[in-house]
């Protein structure tokens, strides 16, 4: 059974920083593409960032230069360092893991709330 558990969300003032963590279980971590998505009230879920097993990354345009995704394969964890947060970053953030070939192997965490006060 694959499980993803996020932590690190909370309330922060605009301009502040947070680091989200995602702990993975189920022997999937090293080969899977790991990502972070977010969903704000009344909006569709959107991809924030993703990182491949080899370390290649992609970011949404809105977070380039402010967010950094990285992974620790030895600890089966991925992280999202978020700096210069603004009110538009307020959302529930979800950890995601997807197999690079068989994309039906696609798993989600339960989400963690990030609220940025202006």
N, C-alpha and C. Protein backbone atom coordinates (compact mmCIF):
# COMPACT_ATOMS: atom_id res chain seq x y z
N UNK A 1 0.85 -1.19 0.00
CA UNK A 1 0.00 0.00 0.00
C UNK A 1 0.88 1.24 0.00
N UNK A 2 0.69 2.09 -1.00
CA UNK A 2 1.47 3.32 -1.09
C UNK A 2 0.78 4.40 -0.27
N UNK A 3 1.56 5.09 0.51
CA UNK A 3 1.04 6.21 1.29
C UNK A 3 1.95 7.41 1.16
N UNK A 4 1.34 8.57 1.03
CA UNK A 4 2.05 9.84 1.01
C UNK A 4 1.48 10.69 2.13
N UNK A 5 2.36 11.23 2.96
CA UNK A 5 1.91 12.03 4.10
C UNK A 5 2.64 13.36 4.07
N UNK A 6 1.86 14.44 3.93
CA UNK A 6 2.43 15.77 3.90
C UNK A 6 2.49 16.37 5.31
N UNK A 7 3.39 17.30 5.47
CA UNK A 7 3.48 18.09 6.70
C UNK A 7 4.13 19.42 6.37
N UNK A 8 3.99 20.36 7.30
CA UNK A 8 4.69 21.63 7.15
C UNK A 8 3.82 22.81 6.77
N UNK A 9 2.54 22.57 6.50
CA UNK A 9 1.66 23.69 6.18
C UNK A 9 1.39 24.55 7.40
N UNK A 10 0.71 25.66 7.17
CA UNK A 10 0.38 26.55 8.27
C UNK A 10 0.05 27.94 7.80
N UNK A 11 0.03 28.85 8.76
CA UNK A 11 -0.28 30.25 8.50
C UNK A 11 1.02 31.06 8.52
N UNK A 12 1.19 31.88 7.50
CA UNK A 12 2.41 32.69 7.40
C UNK A 12 2.04 34.05 6.82
N UNK A 13 2.78 35.05 7.19
CA UNK A 13 2.55 36.38 6.64
C UNK A 13 3.14 36.49 5.24
N UNK A 14 2.56 37.38 4.46
CA UNK A 14 3.09 37.63 3.12
C UNK A 14 4.57 37.98 3.21
N UNK A 15 5.32 37.40 2.28
CA UNK A 15 6.76 37.60 2.28
C UNK A 15 7.53 36.54 3.06
N UNK A 16 6.80 35.73 3.81
CA UNK A 16 7.42 34.71 4.62
C UNK A 16 7.71 33.43 3.85
N UNK A 17 8.18 32.42 4.59
CA UNK A 17 8.58 31.15 4.00
C UNK A 17 7.98 29.98 4.76
N UNK A 18 7.80 28.90 4.04
CA UNK A 18 7.40 27.62 4.62
C UNK A 18 8.11 26.51 3.85
N UNK A 19 8.31 25.39 4.53
CA UNK A 19 8.81 24.22 3.84
C UNK A 19 7.84 23.06 4.05
N UNK A 20 7.35 22.52 2.96
CA UNK A 20 6.48 21.36 3.01
C UNK A 20 7.31 20.10 2.84
N UNK A 21 6.89 19.06 3.53
CA UNK A 21 7.54 17.76 3.42
C UNK A 21 6.52 16.71 3.02
N UNK A 22 6.98 15.70 2.31
CA UNK A 22 6.13 14.57 1.95
C UNK A 22 6.91 13.30 2.20
N UNK A 23 6.38 12.46 3.08
CA UNK A 23 6.99 11.18 3.38
C UNK A 23 6.27 10.09 2.60
N UNK A 24 7.03 9.29 1.87
CA UNK A 24 6.45 8.23 1.04
C UNK A 24 6.75 6.87 1.61
N UNK A 25 5.82 5.97 1.46
CA UNK A 25 6.03 4.58 1.88
C UNK A 25 5.58 3.66 0.76
N UNK A 26 6.03 2.43 0.79
CA UNK A 26 5.59 1.49 -0.22
C UNK A 26 6.61 1.21 -1.30
N UNK A 27 7.88 1.55 -1.05
CA UNK A 27 8.97 1.20 -1.98
C UNK A 27 8.77 1.80 -3.35
N UNK A 28 8.29 3.04 -3.41
CA UNK A 28 8.07 3.64 -4.72
C UNK A 28 8.99 4.80 -4.99
N UNK A 29 9.60 5.30 -3.95
CA UNK A 29 10.07 6.68 -4.04
C UNK A 29 11.11 6.88 -5.12
N UNK A 30 12.13 6.05 -5.13
CA UNK A 30 13.30 6.36 -5.94
C UNK A 30 13.00 6.41 -7.44
N UNK A 31 12.01 5.68 -7.91
CA UNK A 31 11.75 5.62 -9.35
C UNK A 31 10.63 6.54 -9.80
N UNK A 32 9.82 7.02 -8.87
CA UNK A 32 8.64 7.78 -9.25
C UNK A 32 8.96 9.26 -9.46
N UNK A 33 8.17 9.88 -10.31
CA UNK A 33 8.16 11.34 -10.42
C UNK A 33 7.36 11.86 -9.25
N UNK A 34 7.95 12.75 -8.49
CA UNK A 34 7.28 13.33 -7.32
C UNK A 34 6.89 14.77 -7.64
N UNK A 35 5.76 15.16 -7.10
CA UNK A 35 5.30 16.51 -7.41
C UNK A 35 4.49 17.11 -6.29
N UNK A 36 4.28 18.41 -6.41
CA UNK A 36 3.39 19.15 -5.53
C UNK A 36 2.32 19.84 -6.38
N UNK A 37 1.09 19.71 -5.94
CA UNK A 37 -0.04 20.38 -6.56
C UNK A 37 -0.71 21.23 -5.48
N UNK A 38 -1.54 22.16 -5.93
CA UNK A 38 -2.30 22.94 -4.96
C UNK A 38 -3.69 23.24 -5.52
N UNK A 39 -4.60 23.44 -4.60
CA UNK A 39 -5.97 23.77 -4.98
C UNK A 39 -6.49 24.85 -4.05
N UNK A 40 -6.78 26.00 -4.64
CA UNK A 40 -7.35 27.11 -3.89
C UNK A 40 -8.87 27.02 -3.95
N UNK A 41 -9.57 27.64 -3.01
CA UNK A 41 -11.04 27.59 -3.01
C UNK A 41 -11.62 28.09 -4.33
N UNK A 42 -12.51 27.29 -4.91
CA UNK A 42 -13.16 27.66 -6.15
C UNK A 42 -12.31 27.52 -7.40
N UNK A 43 -11.12 26.95 -7.25
CA UNK A 43 -10.24 26.81 -8.41
C UNK A 43 -9.88 25.34 -8.62
N UNK A 44 -9.42 25.03 -9.82
CA UNK A 44 -8.98 23.68 -10.11
C UNK A 44 -7.61 23.42 -9.50
N UNK A 45 -7.36 22.15 -9.26
CA UNK A 45 -6.05 21.76 -8.77
C UNK A 45 -5.02 22.04 -9.86
N UNK A 46 -3.88 22.60 -9.48
CA UNK A 46 -2.84 22.92 -10.44
C UNK A 46 -1.50 22.37 -9.98
N UNK A 47 -0.67 22.04 -10.95
CA UNK A 47 0.66 21.57 -10.62
C UNK A 47 1.53 22.75 -10.24
N UNK A 48 2.26 22.60 -9.15
CA UNK A 48 3.18 23.62 -8.68
C UNK A 48 4.60 23.31 -9.12
N UNK A 49 5.03 22.08 -8.89
CA UNK A 49 6.39 21.67 -9.23
C UNK A 49 6.45 20.17 -9.27
N UNK A 50 7.43 19.65 -10.00
CA UNK A 50 7.66 18.22 -9.99
C UNK A 50 9.14 17.95 -10.17
N UNK A 51 9.55 16.77 -9.71
CA UNK A 51 10.96 16.40 -9.79
C UNK A 51 11.07 14.94 -10.17
N UNK A 52 11.92 14.65 -11.15
CA UNK A 52 12.11 13.29 -11.62
C UNK A 52 13.12 12.56 -10.74
N UNK A 53 13.21 11.27 -10.94
CA UNK A 53 14.12 10.49 -10.10
C UNK A 53 15.55 10.96 -10.25
N UNK A 54 15.91 11.46 -11.42
CA UNK A 54 17.27 11.94 -11.65
C UNK A 54 17.52 13.36 -11.20
N UNK A 55 16.46 14.03 -10.75
CA UNK A 55 16.62 15.37 -10.22
C UNK A 55 16.12 16.49 -11.11
N UNK A 56 15.72 16.18 -12.35
CA UNK A 56 15.19 17.21 -13.22
C UNK A 56 13.90 17.78 -12.67
N UNK A 57 13.72 19.10 -12.81
CA UNK A 57 12.56 19.76 -12.20
C UNK A 57 11.78 20.58 -13.21
N UNK A 58 10.51 20.79 -12.90
CA UNK A 58 9.65 21.71 -13.63
C UNK A 58 8.85 22.51 -12.61
N UNK A 59 8.57 23.76 -12.95
CA UNK A 59 7.81 24.62 -12.05
C UNK A 59 6.71 25.35 -12.81
N UNK A 60 5.64 25.63 -12.10
CA UNK A 60 4.63 26.53 -12.63
C UNK A 60 5.25 27.92 -12.74
N UNK A 61 4.83 28.67 -13.76
CA UNK A 61 5.40 30.00 -13.98
C UNK A 61 5.25 30.89 -12.74
N UNK A 62 4.15 30.72 -12.03
CA UNK A 62 3.84 31.62 -10.91
C UNK A 62 4.77 31.43 -9.72
N UNK A 63 5.52 30.33 -9.69
CA UNK A 63 6.36 30.07 -8.52
C UNK A 63 7.85 30.07 -8.85
N UNK A 64 8.18 30.23 -10.12
CA UNK A 64 9.60 30.23 -10.51
C UNK A 64 10.35 31.33 -9.77
N UNK A 65 11.48 30.96 -9.21
CA UNK A 65 12.29 31.91 -8.46
C UNK A 65 11.90 32.03 -7.01
N UNK A 66 10.77 31.45 -6.62
CA UNK A 66 10.33 31.55 -5.23
C UNK A 66 10.27 30.18 -4.55
N UNK A 67 9.89 29.16 -5.29
CA UNK A 67 9.74 27.81 -4.75
C UNK A 67 10.86 26.91 -5.27
N UNK A 68 11.26 25.97 -4.44
CA UNK A 68 12.25 24.97 -4.84
C UNK A 68 11.78 23.60 -4.40
N UNK A 69 11.74 22.68 -5.35
CA UNK A 69 11.40 21.29 -5.03
C UNK A 69 12.68 20.47 -4.98
N UNK A 70 12.77 19.60 -4.01
CA UNK A 70 13.91 18.70 -3.97
C UNK A 70 13.50 17.42 -3.26
N UNK A 71 14.34 16.41 -3.42
CA UNK A 71 14.01 15.09 -2.88
C UNK A 71 15.22 14.48 -2.22
N UNK A 72 14.95 13.62 -1.25
CA UNK A 72 15.98 12.84 -0.58
C UNK A 72 15.60 11.38 -0.75
N UNK A 73 16.16 10.73 -1.74
CA UNK A 73 15.78 9.35 -2.03
C UNK A 73 16.14 8.41 -0.89
N UNK A 74 17.19 8.72 -0.16
CA UNK A 74 17.60 7.85 0.95
C UNK A 74 16.57 7.86 2.06
N UNK A 75 15.85 8.97 2.19
CA UNK A 75 14.84 9.10 3.25
C UNK A 75 13.42 8.96 2.74
N UNK A 76 13.26 8.72 1.43
CA UNK A 76 11.93 8.61 0.83
C UNK A 76 11.10 9.86 1.12
N UNK A 77 11.71 11.02 0.93
CA UNK A 77 11.01 12.26 1.18
C UNK A 77 11.22 13.24 0.04
N UNK A 78 10.22 14.06 -0.16
CA UNK A 78 10.38 15.20 -1.03
C UNK A 78 9.97 16.44 -0.26
N UNK A 79 10.44 17.58 -0.75
CA UNK A 79 10.23 18.84 -0.04
C UNK A 79 9.85 19.93 -1.03
N UNK A 80 9.18 20.93 -0.52
CA UNK A 80 8.90 22.13 -1.30
C UNK A 80 9.24 23.32 -0.42
N UNK A 81 10.33 23.98 -0.74
CA UNK A 81 10.70 25.20 -0.03
C UNK A 81 10.01 26.36 -0.71
N UNK A 82 9.21 27.10 0.05
CA UNK A 82 8.42 28.19 -0.50
C UNK A 82 8.86 29.50 0.15
N UNK A 83 9.36 30.40 -0.65
CA UNK A 83 9.81 31.71 -0.18
C UNK A 83 8.97 32.81 -0.82
N UNK A 84 9.06 33.97 -0.24
CA UNK A 84 8.35 35.14 -0.77
C UNK A 84 6.88 34.83 -1.02
N UNK A 85 6.25 34.22 -0.06
CA UNK A 85 4.86 33.81 -0.21
C UNK A 85 3.94 35.02 -0.30
N UNK A 86 2.89 34.87 -1.09
CA UNK A 86 1.88 35.92 -1.19
C UNK A 86 0.49 35.29 -1.07
N UNK A 87 -0.51 36.13 -1.00
CA UNK A 87 -1.87 35.65 -0.74
C UNK A 87 -2.34 34.68 -1.82
N UNK A 88 -1.84 34.82 -3.04
CA UNK A 88 -2.25 33.94 -4.13
C UNK A 88 -1.71 32.51 -3.96
N UNK A 89 -0.79 32.34 -3.03
CA UNK A 89 -0.26 30.99 -2.75
C UNK A 89 -1.13 30.23 -1.76
N UNK A 90 -2.13 30.88 -1.20
CA UNK A 90 -3.02 30.23 -0.25
C UNK A 90 -3.79 29.11 -0.95
N UNK A 91 -3.66 27.90 -0.40
CA UNK A 91 -4.29 26.73 -1.02
C UNK A 91 -4.02 25.51 -0.15
N UNK A 92 -4.69 24.42 -0.50
CA UNK A 92 -4.31 23.12 0.04
C UNK A 92 -3.27 22.54 -0.91
N UNK A 93 -2.14 22.13 -0.35
CA UNK A 93 -1.04 21.59 -1.14
C UNK A 93 -1.02 20.07 -1.00
N UNK A 94 -0.90 19.40 -2.15
CA UNK A 94 -0.94 17.95 -2.19
C UNK A 94 0.37 17.39 -2.74
N UNK A 95 0.84 16.37 -2.11
CA UNK A 95 1.98 15.61 -2.60
C UNK A 95 1.47 14.56 -3.60
N UNK A 96 2.24 14.35 -4.64
CA UNK A 96 1.85 13.40 -5.68
C UNK A 96 3.04 12.54 -6.08
N UNK A 97 2.75 11.28 -6.39
CA UNK A 97 3.77 10.37 -6.91
C UNK A 97 3.18 9.64 -8.10
N UNK A 98 3.88 9.64 -9.21
CA UNK A 98 3.39 8.95 -10.41
C UNK A 98 4.54 8.18 -11.06
N UNK A 99 4.22 6.96 -11.50
CA UNK A 99 5.22 6.15 -12.17
C UNK A 99 5.56 6.80 -13.51
N UNK A 100 6.83 6.85 -13.88
CA UNK A 100 7.21 7.54 -15.10
C UNK A 100 6.73 6.89 -16.39
N UNK A 101 6.37 5.60 -16.34
CA UNK A 101 5.91 4.90 -17.54
C UNK A 101 4.43 4.51 -17.41
N UNK A 102 4.11 3.80 -16.35
CA UNK A 102 2.74 3.36 -16.11
C UNK A 102 2.04 4.41 -15.26
N UNK A 103 1.49 5.41 -15.92
CA UNK A 103 0.98 6.58 -15.20
C UNK A 103 -0.30 6.29 -14.43
N UNK A 104 -0.88 5.11 -14.61
CA UNK A 104 -2.03 4.74 -13.77
C UNK A 104 -1.60 4.51 -12.33
N UNK A 105 -0.33 4.28 -12.12
CA UNK A 105 0.21 4.23 -10.75
C UNK A 105 0.45 5.66 -10.31
N UNK A 106 -0.59 6.23 -9.71
CA UNK A 106 -0.62 7.66 -9.42
C UNK A 106 -1.22 7.83 -8.03
N UNK A 107 -0.47 8.41 -7.12
CA UNK A 107 -0.88 8.45 -5.72
C UNK A 107 -0.86 9.88 -5.20
N UNK A 108 -1.75 10.12 -4.21
CA UNK A 108 -1.91 11.45 -3.63
C UNK A 108 -1.84 11.39 -2.12
N UNK A 109 -1.31 12.46 -1.54
CA UNK A 109 -1.41 12.64 -0.11
C UNK A 109 -2.74 13.26 0.25
N UNK A 110 -2.92 13.48 1.54
CA UNK A 110 -4.21 14.00 2.02
C UNK A 110 -4.29 15.51 1.94
N UNK A 111 -3.19 16.17 1.73
CA UNK A 111 -3.16 17.62 1.60
C UNK A 111 -2.80 18.32 2.90
N UNK A 112 -2.17 19.48 2.75
CA UNK A 112 -1.84 20.31 3.90
C UNK A 112 -2.17 21.76 3.54
N UNK A 113 -2.79 22.45 4.47
CA UNK A 113 -3.26 23.81 4.20
C UNK A 113 -2.12 24.81 4.37
N UNK A 114 -1.99 25.68 3.39
CA UNK A 114 -1.08 26.81 3.47
C UNK A 114 -1.91 28.08 3.35
N UNK A 115 -1.82 28.94 4.33
CA UNK A 115 -2.56 30.20 4.33
C UNK A 115 -1.58 31.35 4.49
N UNK A 116 -1.63 32.27 3.54
CA UNK A 116 -0.74 33.43 3.56
C UNK A 116 -1.59 34.66 3.84
N UNK A 117 -1.29 35.33 4.91
CA UNK A 117 -2.04 36.54 5.28
C UNK A 117 -1.34 37.77 4.71
N UNK A 118 -2.17 38.65 4.18
CA UNK A 118 -1.61 39.87 3.56
C UNK A 118 -1.64 41.05 4.52
